[in-house]
């Protein structure tokens, strides 16, 4: 195990990139660390949409962890995610 410190923004980006590649975060980082090129399984526009959704979801999780929670934004993000995945 190799512990790595990243900012919340970097963590969200890594998670989004792993999702785009269809990999777990661990597998995504292992492949990058081994020098493999990791390709997204989505088109550029889908990738942008998913990254934006991932960032929004990460921000909502941070608010929820601080005790602030409103389910409406979360439902909106889930709806956006469904649209991207169904296209």
PDB file of N, CA and C in Angstrom:
ATOM      1  N   UNK A   1       0.843  -1.175   0.000  1.00  0.00           N
ATOM      2  CA  UNK A   1       0.000   0.000   0.000  1.00  0.00           C
ATOM      3  C   UNK A   1       0.892   1.244   0.000  1.00  0.00           C
ATOM      4  N   UNK A   2       0.515   2.221  -0.806  1.00  0.00           N
ATOM      5  CA  UNK A   2       1.246   3.481  -0.899  1.00  0.00           C
ATOM      6  C   UNK A   2       0.275   4.610  -0.563  1.00  0.00           C
ATOM      7  N   UNK A   3       0.374   5.157   0.645  1.00  0.00           N
ATOM      8  CA  UNK A   3      -0.534   6.268   0.984  1.00  0.00           C
ATOM      9  C   UNK A   3      -0.140   7.538   0.226  1.00  0.00           C
ATOM     10  N   UNK A   4      -1.125   8.203  -0.322  1.00  0.00           N
ATOM     11  CA  UNK A   4      -0.894   9.427  -1.090  1.00  0.00           C
ATOM     12  C   UNK A   4      -1.875  10.483  -0.613  1.00  0.00           C
ATOM     13  N   UNK A   5      -1.379  11.688  -0.385  1.00  0.00           N
ATOM     14  CA  UNK A   5      -2.247  12.790   0.023  1.00  0.00           C
ATOM     15  C   UNK A   5      -2.626  13.609  -1.204  1.00  0.00           C
ATOM     16  N   UNK A   6      -3.913  13.871  -1.322  1.00  0.00           N
ATOM     17  CA  UNK A   6      -4.412  14.704  -2.413  1.00  0.00           C
ATOM     18  C   UNK A   6      -5.461  15.652  -1.851  1.00  0.00           C
ATOM     19  N   UNK A   7      -5.685  16.740  -2.554  1.00  0.00           N
ATOM     20  CA  UNK A   7      -6.730  17.677  -2.150  1.00  0.00           C
ATOM     21  C   UNK A   7      -8.093  17.073  -2.496  1.00  0.00           C
ATOM     22  N   UNK A   8      -9.154  17.674  -1.967  1.00  0.00           N
ATOM     23  CA  UNK A   8     -10.501  17.200  -2.306  1.00  0.00           C
ATOM     24  C   UNK A   8     -10.741  17.310  -3.808  1.00  0.00           C
ATOM     25  N   UNK A   9     -10.253  18.395  -4.388  1.00  0.00           N
ATOM     26  CA  UNK A   9     -10.420  18.607  -5.836  1.00  0.00           C
ATOM     27  C   UNK A   9      -9.684  17.521  -6.624  1.00  0.00           C
ATOM     28  N   UNK A  10      -8.448  17.225  -6.224  1.00  0.00           N
ATOM     29  CA  UNK A  10      -7.675  16.182  -6.905  1.00  0.00           C
ATOM     30  C   UNK A  10      -8.345  14.818  -6.734  1.00  0.00           C
ATOM     31  N   UNK A  11      -8.849  14.566  -5.534  1.00  0.00           N
ATOM     32  CA  UNK A  11      -9.529  13.297  -5.265  1.00  0.00           C
ATOM     33  C   UNK A  11     -10.748  13.143  -6.172  1.00  0.00           C
ATOM     34  N   UNK A  12     -11.525  14.220  -6.293  1.00  0.00           N
ATOM     35  CA  UNK A  12     -12.704  14.187  -7.164  1.00  0.00           C
ATOM     36  C   UNK A  12     -12.295  13.934  -8.613  1.00  0.00           C
ATOM     37  N   UNK A  13     -11.202  14.561  -9.048  1.00  0.00           N
ATOM     38  CA  UNK A  13     -10.726  14.385 -10.425  1.00  0.00           C
ATOM     39  C   UNK A  13     -10.259  12.955 -10.664  1.00  0.00           C
ATOM     40  N   UNK A  14      -9.531  12.394  -9.712  1.00  0.00           N
ATOM     41  CA  UNK A  14      -9.053  11.013  -9.838  1.00  0.00           C
ATOM     42  C   UNK A  14     -10.237  10.051  -9.906  1.00  0.00           C
ATOM     43  N   UNK A  15     -11.215  10.258  -9.031  1.00  0.00           N
ATOM     44  CA  UNK A  15     -12.403   9.400  -9.037  1.00  0.00           C
ATOM     45  C   UNK A  15     -13.155   9.515 -10.359  1.00  0.00           C
ATOM     46  N   UNK A  16     -13.301  10.738 -10.843  1.00  0.00           N
ATOM     47  CA  UNK A  16     -14.005  10.949 -12.113  1.00  0.00           C
ATOM     48  C   UNK A  16     -13.261  10.272 -13.260  1.00  0.00           C
ATOM     49  N   UNK A  17     -11.937  10.395 -13.280  1.00  0.00           N
ATOM     50  CA  UNK A  17     -11.143   9.763 -14.339  1.00  0.00           C
ATOM     51  C   UNK A  17     -11.253   8.240 -14.282  1.00  0.00           C
ATOM     52  N   UNK A  18     -11.264   7.688 -13.074  1.00  0.00           N
ATOM     53  CA  UNK A  18     -11.402   6.238 -12.923  1.00  0.00           C
ATOM     54  C   UNK A  18     -12.757   5.775 -13.454  1.00  0.00           C
ATOM     55  N   UNK A  19     -13.804   6.517 -13.124  1.00  0.00           N
ATOM     56  CA  UNK A  19     -15.146   6.177 -13.614  1.00  0.00           C
ATOM     57  C   UNK A  19     -15.172   6.235 -15.135  1.00  0.00           C
ATOM     58  N   UNK A  20     -14.567   7.268 -15.694  1.00  0.00           N
ATOM     59  CA  UNK A  20     -14.548   7.410 -17.150  1.00  0.00           C
ATOM     60  C   UNK A  20     -13.832   6.248 -17.829  1.00  0.00           C
ATOM     61  N   UNK A  21     -12.840   5.703 -17.140  1.00  0.00           N
ATOM     62  CA  UNK A  21     -12.092   4.574 -17.698  1.00  0.00           C
ATOM     63  C   UNK A  21     -12.761   3.240 -17.381  1.00  0.00           C
ATOM     64  N   UNK A  22     -13.815   3.271 -16.563  1.00  0.00           N
ATOM     65  CA  UNK A  22     -14.492   2.034 -16.188  1.00  0.00           C
ATOM     66  C   UNK A  22     -13.695   1.208 -15.199  1.00  0.00           C
ATOM     67  N   UNK A  23     -12.900   1.889 -14.362  1.00  0.00           N
ATOM     68  CA  UNK A  23     -12.028   1.204 -13.410  1.00  0.00           C
ATOM     69  C   UNK A  23     -12.294   1.686 -11.992  1.00  0.00           C
ATOM     70  N   UNK A  24     -11.877   0.872 -11.021  1.00  0.00           N
ATOM     71  CA  UNK A  24     -11.882   1.349  -9.638  1.00  0.00           C
ATOM     72  C   UNK A  24     -10.744   2.361  -9.506  1.00  0.00           C
ATOM     73  N   UNK A  25     -10.792   3.176  -8.467  1.00  0.00           N
ATOM     74  CA  UNK A  25      -9.717   4.150  -8.246  1.00  0.00           C
ATOM     75  C   UNK A  25      -8.388   3.420  -8.079  1.00  0.00           C
ATOM     76  N   UNK A  26      -8.389   2.322  -7.320  1.00  0.00           N
ATOM     77  CA  UNK A  26      -7.151   1.561  -7.098  1.00  0.00           C
ATOM     78  C   UNK A  26      -6.569   1.042  -8.406  1.00  0.00           C
ATOM     79  N   UNK A  27      -7.417   0.442  -9.233  1.00  0.00           N
ATOM     80  CA  UNK A  27      -6.934  -0.101 -10.511  1.00  0.00           C
ATOM     81  C   UNK A  27      -6.461   1.015 -11.434  1.00  0.00           C
ATOM     82  N   UNK A  28      -7.185   2.117 -11.441  1.00  0.00           N
ATOM     83  CA  UNK A  28      -6.806   3.269 -12.260  1.00  0.00           C
ATOM     84  C   UNK A  28      -5.408   3.754 -11.871  1.00  0.00           C
ATOM     85  N   UNK A  29      -5.173   3.943 -10.563  1.00  0.00           N
ATOM     86  CA  UNK A  29      -3.871   4.432 -10.101  1.00  0.00           C
ATOM     87  C   UNK A  29      -2.769   3.395 -10.324  1.00  0.00           C
ATOM     88  N   UNK A  30      -3.083   2.103 -10.160  1.00  0.00           N
ATOM     89  CA  UNK A  30      -2.085   1.056 -10.429  1.00  0.00           C
ATOM     90  C   UNK A  30      -1.630   1.101 -11.884  1.00  0.00           C
ATOM     91  N   UNK A  31      -2.586   1.229 -12.779  1.00  0.00           N
ATOM     92  CA  UNK A  31      -2.238   1.263 -14.209  1.00  0.00           C
ATOM     93  C   UNK A  31      -1.407   2.496 -14.546  1.00  0.00           C
ATOM     94  N   UNK A  32      -1.802   3.650 -13.996  1.00  0.00           N
ATOM     95  CA  UNK A  32      -1.008   4.860 -14.237  1.00  0.00           C
ATOM     96  C   UNK A  32       0.395   4.709 -13.666  1.00  0.00           C
ATOM     97  N   UNK A  33       0.476   4.175 -12.456  1.00  0.00           N
ATOM     98  CA  UNK A  33       1.773   3.993 -11.801  1.00  0.00           C
ATOM     99  C   UNK A  33       2.679   3.031 -12.544  1.00  0.00           C
ATOM    100  N   UNK A  34       2.095   2.071 -13.239  1.00  0.00           N
ATOM    101  CA  UNK A  34       2.873   1.097 -14.008  1.00  0.00           C
ATOM    102  C   UNK A  34       3.227   1.626 -15.395  1.00  0.00           C
ATOM    103  N   UNK A  35       2.811   2.865 -15.681  1.00  0.00           N
ATOM    104  CA  UNK A  35       3.161   3.479 -16.953  1.00  0.00           C
ATOM    105  C   UNK A  35       2.217   3.165 -18.101  1.00  0.00           C
ATOM    106  N   UNK A  36       1.083   2.560 -17.789  1.00  0.00           N
ATOM    107  CA  UNK A  36       0.105   2.251 -18.837  1.00  0.00           C
ATOM    108  C   UNK A  36      -0.724   3.482 -19.166  1.00  0.00           C
ATOM    109  N   UNK A  37      -1.115   3.585 -20.411  1.00  0.00           N
ATOM    110  CA  UNK A  37      -2.014   4.657 -20.817  1.00  0.00           C
ATOM    111  C   UNK A  37      -3.434   4.196 -20.509  1.00  0.00           C
ATOM    112  N   UNK A  38      -4.167   5.012 -19.760  1.00  0.00           N
ATOM    113  CA  UNK A  38      -5.537   4.667 -19.396  1.00  0.00           C
ATOM    114  C   UNK A  38      -6.467   5.524 -20.238  1.00  0.00           C
ATOM    115  N   UNK A  39      -7.261   4.859 -21.063  1.00  0.00           N
ATOM    116  CA  UNK A  39      -8.162   5.581 -21.959  1.00  0.00           C
ATOM    117  C   UNK A  39      -9.576   5.591 -21.401  1.00  0.00           C
ATOM    118  N   UNK A  40     -10.232   6.707 -21.610  1.00  0.00           N
ATOM    119  CA  UNK A  40     -11.630   6.827 -21.201  1.00  0.00           C
ATOM    120  C   UNK A  40     -12.494   5.979 -22.118  1.00  0.00           C
ATOM    121  N   UNK A  41     -13.535   5.431 -21.564  1.00  0.00           N
ATOM    122  CA  UNK A  41     -14.446   4.652 -22.401  1.00  0.00           C
ATOM    123  C   UNK A  41     -15.607   5.508 -22.881  1.00  0.00           C
ATOM    124  N   UNK A  42     -15.538   6.816 -22.619  1.00  0.00           N
ATOM    125  CA  UNK A  42     -16.573   7.750 -23.031  1.00  0.00           C
ATOM    126  C   UNK A  42     -15.998   8.773 -24.006  1.00  0.00           C
ATOM    127  N   UNK A  43     -16.857   9.411 -24.768  1.00  0.00           N
ATOM    128  CA  UNK A  43     -16.458  10.488 -25.666  1.00  0.00           C
ATOM    129  C   UNK A  43     -16.139  11.741 -24.846  1.00  0.00           C
ATOM    130  N   UNK A  44     -15.488  12.719 -25.487  1.00  0.00           N
ATOM    131  CA  UNK A  44     -15.064  13.933 -24.784  1.00  0.00           C
ATOM    132  C   UNK A  44     -16.219  14.669 -24.119  1.00  0.00           C
ATOM    133  N   UNK A  45     -17.332  14.813 -24.821  1.00  0.00           N
ATOM    134  CA  UNK A  45     -18.468  15.541 -24.248  1.00  0.00           C
ATOM    135  C   UNK A  45     -19.037  14.797 -23.041  1.00  0.00           C
ATOM    136  N   UNK A  46     -19.147  13.485 -23.149  1.00  0.00           N
ATOM    137  CA  UNK A  46     -19.626  12.681 -22.024  1.00  0.00           C
ATOM    138  C   UNK A  46     -18.660  12.794 -20.852  1.00  0.00           C
ATOM    139  N   UNK A  47     -17.377  12.804 -21.164  1.00  0.00           N
ATOM    140  CA  UNK A  47     -16.355  12.918 -20.123  1.00  0.00           C
ATOM    141  C   UNK A  47     -16.506  14.236 -19.375  1.00  0.00           C
ATOM    142  N   UNK A  48     -16.673  15.331 -20.113  1.00  0.00           N
ATOM    143  CA  UNK A  48     -16.848  16.645 -19.472  1.00  0.00           C
ATOM    144  C   UNK A  48     -18.077  16.643 -18.575  1.00  0.00           C
ATOM    145  N   UNK A  49     -19.162  16.073 -19.082  1.00  0.00           N
ATOM    146  CA  UNK A  49     -20.394  16.015 -18.297  1.00  0.00           C
ATOM    147  C   UNK A  49     -20.198  15.215 -17.017  1.00  0.00           C
ATOM    148  N   UNK A  50     -19.557  14.060 -17.131  1.00  0.00           N
ATOM    149  CA  UNK A  50     -19.341  13.222 -15.955  1.00  0.00           C
ATOM    150  C   UNK A  50     -18.383  13.867 -14.962  1.00  0.00           C
ATOM    151  N   UNK A  51     -17.358  14.542 -15.454  1.00  0.00           N
ATOM    152  CA  UNK A  51     -16.433  15.216 -14.550  1.00  0.00           C
ATOM    153  C   UNK A  51     -17.142  16.316 -13.775  1.00  0.00           C
ATOM    154  N   UNK A  52     -17.987  17.069 -14.464  1.00  0.00           N
ATOM    155  CA  UNK A  52     -18.748  18.115 -13.786  1.00  0.00           C
ATOM    156  C   UNK A  52     -19.686  17.540 -12.749  1.00  0.00           C
ATOM    157  N   UNK A  53     -20.339  16.443 -13.102  1.00  0.00           N
ATOM    158  CA  UNK A  53     -21.240  15.782 -12.160  1.00  0.00           C
ATOM    159  C   UNK A  53     -20.449  15.252 -10.965  1.00  0.00           C
ATOM    160  N   UNK A  54     -19.297  14.657 -11.225  1.00  0.00           N
ATOM    161  CA  UNK A  54     -18.458  14.139 -10.139  1.00  0.00           C
ATOM    162  C   UNK A  54     -18.010  15.234  -9.195  1.00  0.00           C
ATOM    163  N   UNK A  55     -17.636  16.371  -9.741  1.00  0.00           N
ATOM    164  CA  UNK A  55     -17.223  17.504  -8.913  1.00  0.00           C
ATOM    165  C   UNK A  55     -18.385  17.985  -8.057  1.00  0.00           C
ATOM    166  N   UNK A  56     -19.564  18.119  -8.666  1.00  0.00           N
ATOM    167  CA  UNK A  56     -20.745  18.544  -7.911  1.00  0.00           C
ATOM    168  C   UNK A  56     -21.087  17.547  -6.816  1.00  0.00           C
ATOM    169  N   UNK A  57     -20.995  16.270  -7.131  1.00  0.00           N
ATOM    170  CA  UNK A  57     -21.306  15.239  -6.154  1.00  0.00           C
ATOM    171  C   UNK A  57     -20.320  15.276  -4.991  1.00  0.00           C
ATOM    172  N   UNK A  58     -19.051  15.500  -5.290  1.00  0.00           N
ATOM    173  CA  UNK A  58     -18.041  15.594  -4.241  1.00  0.00           C
ATOM    174  C   UNK A  58     -18.314  16.792  -3.335  1.00  0.00           C
ATOM    175  N   UNK A  59     -18.706  17.915  -3.908  1.00  0.00           N
ATOM    176  CA  UNK A  59     -19.034  19.096  -3.110  1.00  0.00           C
ATOM    177  C   UNK A  59     -20.238  18.829  -2.217  1.00  0.00           C
ATOM    178  N   UNK A  60     -21.245  18.142  -2.750  1.00  0.00           N
ATOM    179  CA  UNK A  60     -22.415  17.797  -1.938  1.00  0.00           C
ATOM    180  C   UNK A  60     -22.033  16.868  -0.789  1.00  0.00           C
ATOM    181  N   UNK A  61     -21.137  15.922  -1.051  1.00  0.00           N
ATOM    182  CA  UNK A  61     -20.686  15.018   0.007  1.00  0.00           C
ATOM    183  C   UNK A  61     -19.966  15.793   1.100  1.00  0.00           C
ATOM    184  N   UNK A  62     -19.158  16.770   0.709  1.00  0.00           N
ATOM    185  CA  UNK A  62     -18.457  17.596   1.698  1.00  0.00           C
ATOM    186  C   UNK A  62     -19.455  18.373   2.550  1.00  0.00           C
ATOM    187  N   UNK A  63     -20.490  18.947   1.936  1.00  0.00           N
ATOM    188  CA  UNK A  63     -21.527  19.658   2.692  1.00  0.00           C
ATOM    189  C   UNK A  63     -22.269  18.713   3.624  1.00  0.00           C
ATOM    190  N   UNK A  64     -22.593  17.530   3.137  1.00  0.00           N
ATOM    191  CA  UNK A  64     -23.315  16.555   3.962  1.00  0.00           C
ATOM    192  C   UNK A  64     -22.477  16.154   5.167  1.00  0.00           C
ATOM    193  N   UNK A  65     -21.169  15.995   4.968  1.00  0.00           N
ATOM    194  CA  UNK A  65     -20.278  15.639   6.073  1.00  0.00           C
ATOM    195  C   UNK A  65     -20.184  16.743   7.113  1.00  0.00           C
ATOM    196  N   UNK A  66     -20.457  17.977   6.715  1.00  0.00           N
ATOM    197  CA  UNK A  66     -20.439  19.113   7.647  1.00  0.00           C
ATOM    198  C   UNK A  66     -21.801  19.322   8.304  1.00  0.00           C
ATOM    199  N   UNK A  67     -22.770  18.494   7.939  1.00  0.00           N
ATOM    200  CA  UNK A  67     -24.085  18.595   8.548  1.00  0.00           C
ATOM    201  C   UNK A  67     -25.092  19.391   7.743  1.00  0.00           C
ATOM    202  N   UNK A  68     -24.692  19.905   6.587  1.00  0.00           N
ATOM    203  CA  UNK A  68     -25.609  20.636   5.715  1.00  0.00           C
ATOM    204  C   UNK A  68     -26.057  19.683   4.612  1.00  0.00           C
ATOM    205  N   UNK A  69     -27.339  19.474   4.505  1.00  0.00           N
ATOM    206  CA  UNK A  69     -27.787  18.550   3.469  1.00  0.00           C
ATOM    207  C   UNK A  69     -29.136  18.978   2.925  1.00  0.00           C
ATOM    208  N   UNK A  70     -29.214  19.027   1.611  1.00  0.00           N
ATOM    209  CA  UNK A  70     -30.451  19.324   0.907  1.00  0.00           C
ATOM    210  C   UNK A  70     -30.536  18.300  -0.216  1.00  0.00           C
ATOM    211  N   UNK A  71     -31.567  17.478  -0.213  1.00  0.00           N
ATOM    212  CA  UNK A  71     -31.611  16.387  -1.187  1.00  0.00           C
ATOM    213  C   UNK A  71     -31.893  16.836  -2.618  1.00  0.00           C
ATOM    214  N   UNK A  72     -32.441  18.029  -2.820  1.00  0.00           N
ATOM    215  CA  UNK A  72     -32.779  18.480  -4.177  1.00  0.00           C
ATOM    216  C   UNK A  72     -31.559  18.520  -5.105  1.00  0.00           C
ATOM    217  N   UNK A  73     -30.434  19.156  -4.692  1.00  0.00           N
ATOM    218  CA  UNK A  73     -29.266  19.155  -5.593  1.00  0.00           C
ATOM    219  C   UNK A  73     -28.764  17.740  -5.901  1.00  0.00           C
ATOM    220  N   UNK A  74     -28.842  16.858  -4.928  1.00  0.00           N
ATOM    221  CA  UNK A  74     -28.399  15.486  -5.150  1.00  0.00           C
ATOM    222  C   UNK A  74     -29.290  14.792  -6.177  1.00  0.00           C
ATOM    223  N   UNK A  75     -30.587  14.999  -6.079  1.00  0.00           N
ATOM    224  CA  UNK A  75     -31.512  14.414  -7.051  1.00  0.00           C
ATOM    225  C   UNK A  75     -31.266  14.969  -8.454  1.00  0.00           C
ATOM    226  N   UNK A  76     -30.945  16.260  -8.542  1.00  0.00           N
ATOM    227  CA  UNK A  76     -30.627  16.864  -9.842  1.00  0.00           C
ATOM    228  C   UNK A  76     -29.386  16.220 -10.455  1.00  0.00           C
ATOM    229  N   UNK A  77     -28.365  16.007  -9.633  1.00  0.00           N
ATOM    230  CA  UNK A  77     -27.121  15.402 -10.114  1.00  0.00           C
ATOM    231  C   UNK A  77     -27.370  13.960 -10.560  1.00  0.00           C
ATOM    232  N   UNK A  78     -28.149  13.227  -9.800  1.00  0.00           N
ATOM    233  CA  UNK A  78     -28.456  11.851 -10.190  1.00  0.00           C
ATOM    234  C   UNK A  78     -29.206  11.808 -11.521  1.00  0.00           C
ATOM    235  N   UNK A  79     -30.092  12.766 -11.735  1.00  0.00           N
ATOM    236  CA  UNK A  79     -30.826  12.836 -13.001  1.00  0.00           C
ATOM    237  C   UNK A  79     -29.869  13.127 -14.165  1.00  0.00           C
ATOM    238  N   UNK A  80     -28.919  14.045 -13.953  1.00  0.00           N
ATOM    239  CA  UNK A  80     -27.919  14.351 -14.981  1.00  0.00           C
ATOM    240  C   UNK A  80     -27.088  13.111 -15.295  1.00  0.00           C
ATOM    241  N   UNK A  81     -26.701  12.408 -14.252  1.00  0.00           N
ATOM    242  CA  UNK A  81     -25.882  11.209 -14.421  1.00  0.00           C
ATOM    243  C   UNK A  81     -26.635  10.148 -15.224  1.00  0.00           C
ATOM    244  N   UNK A  82     -27.915   9.962 -14.938  1.00  0.00           N
ATOM    245  CA  UNK A  82     -28.726   9.001 -15.690  1.00  0.00           C
ATOM    246  C   UNK A  82     -28.766   9.358 -17.170  1.00  0.00           C
ATOM    247  N   UNK A  83     -28.930  10.650 -17.470  1.00  0.00           N
ATOM    248  CA  UNK A  83     -28.996  11.090 -18.868  1.00  0.00           C
ATOM    249  C   UNK A  83     -27.697  10.783 -19.605  1.00  0.00           C
ATOM    250  N   UNK A  84     -26.561  11.056 -18.950  1.00  0.00           N
ATOM    251  CA  UNK A  84     -25.262  10.818 -19.586  1.00  0.00           C
ATOM    252  C   UNK A  84     -25.055   9.327 -19.819  1.00  0.00           C
ATOM    253  N   UNK A  85     -25.385   8.517 -18.830  1.00  0.00           N
ATOM    254  CA  UNK A  85     -25.153   7.081 -18.954  1.00  0.00           C
ATOM    255  C   UNK A  85     -26.096   6.418 -19.953  1.00  0.00           C
ATOM    256  N   UNK A  86     -27.277   6.992 -20.158  1.00  0.00           N
ATOM    257  CA  UNK A  86     -28.228   6.422 -21.102  1.00  0.00           C
ATOM    258  C   UNK A  86     -27.960   6.858 -22.540  1.00  0.00           C
ATOM    259  N   UNK A  87     -27.165   7.902 -22.729  1.00  0.00           N
ATOM    260  CA  UNK A  87     -26.907   8.393 -24.090  1.00  0.00           C
ATOM    261  C   UNK A  87     -25.859   7.571 -24.806  1.00  0.00           C
TER     262      UNK A  87
END
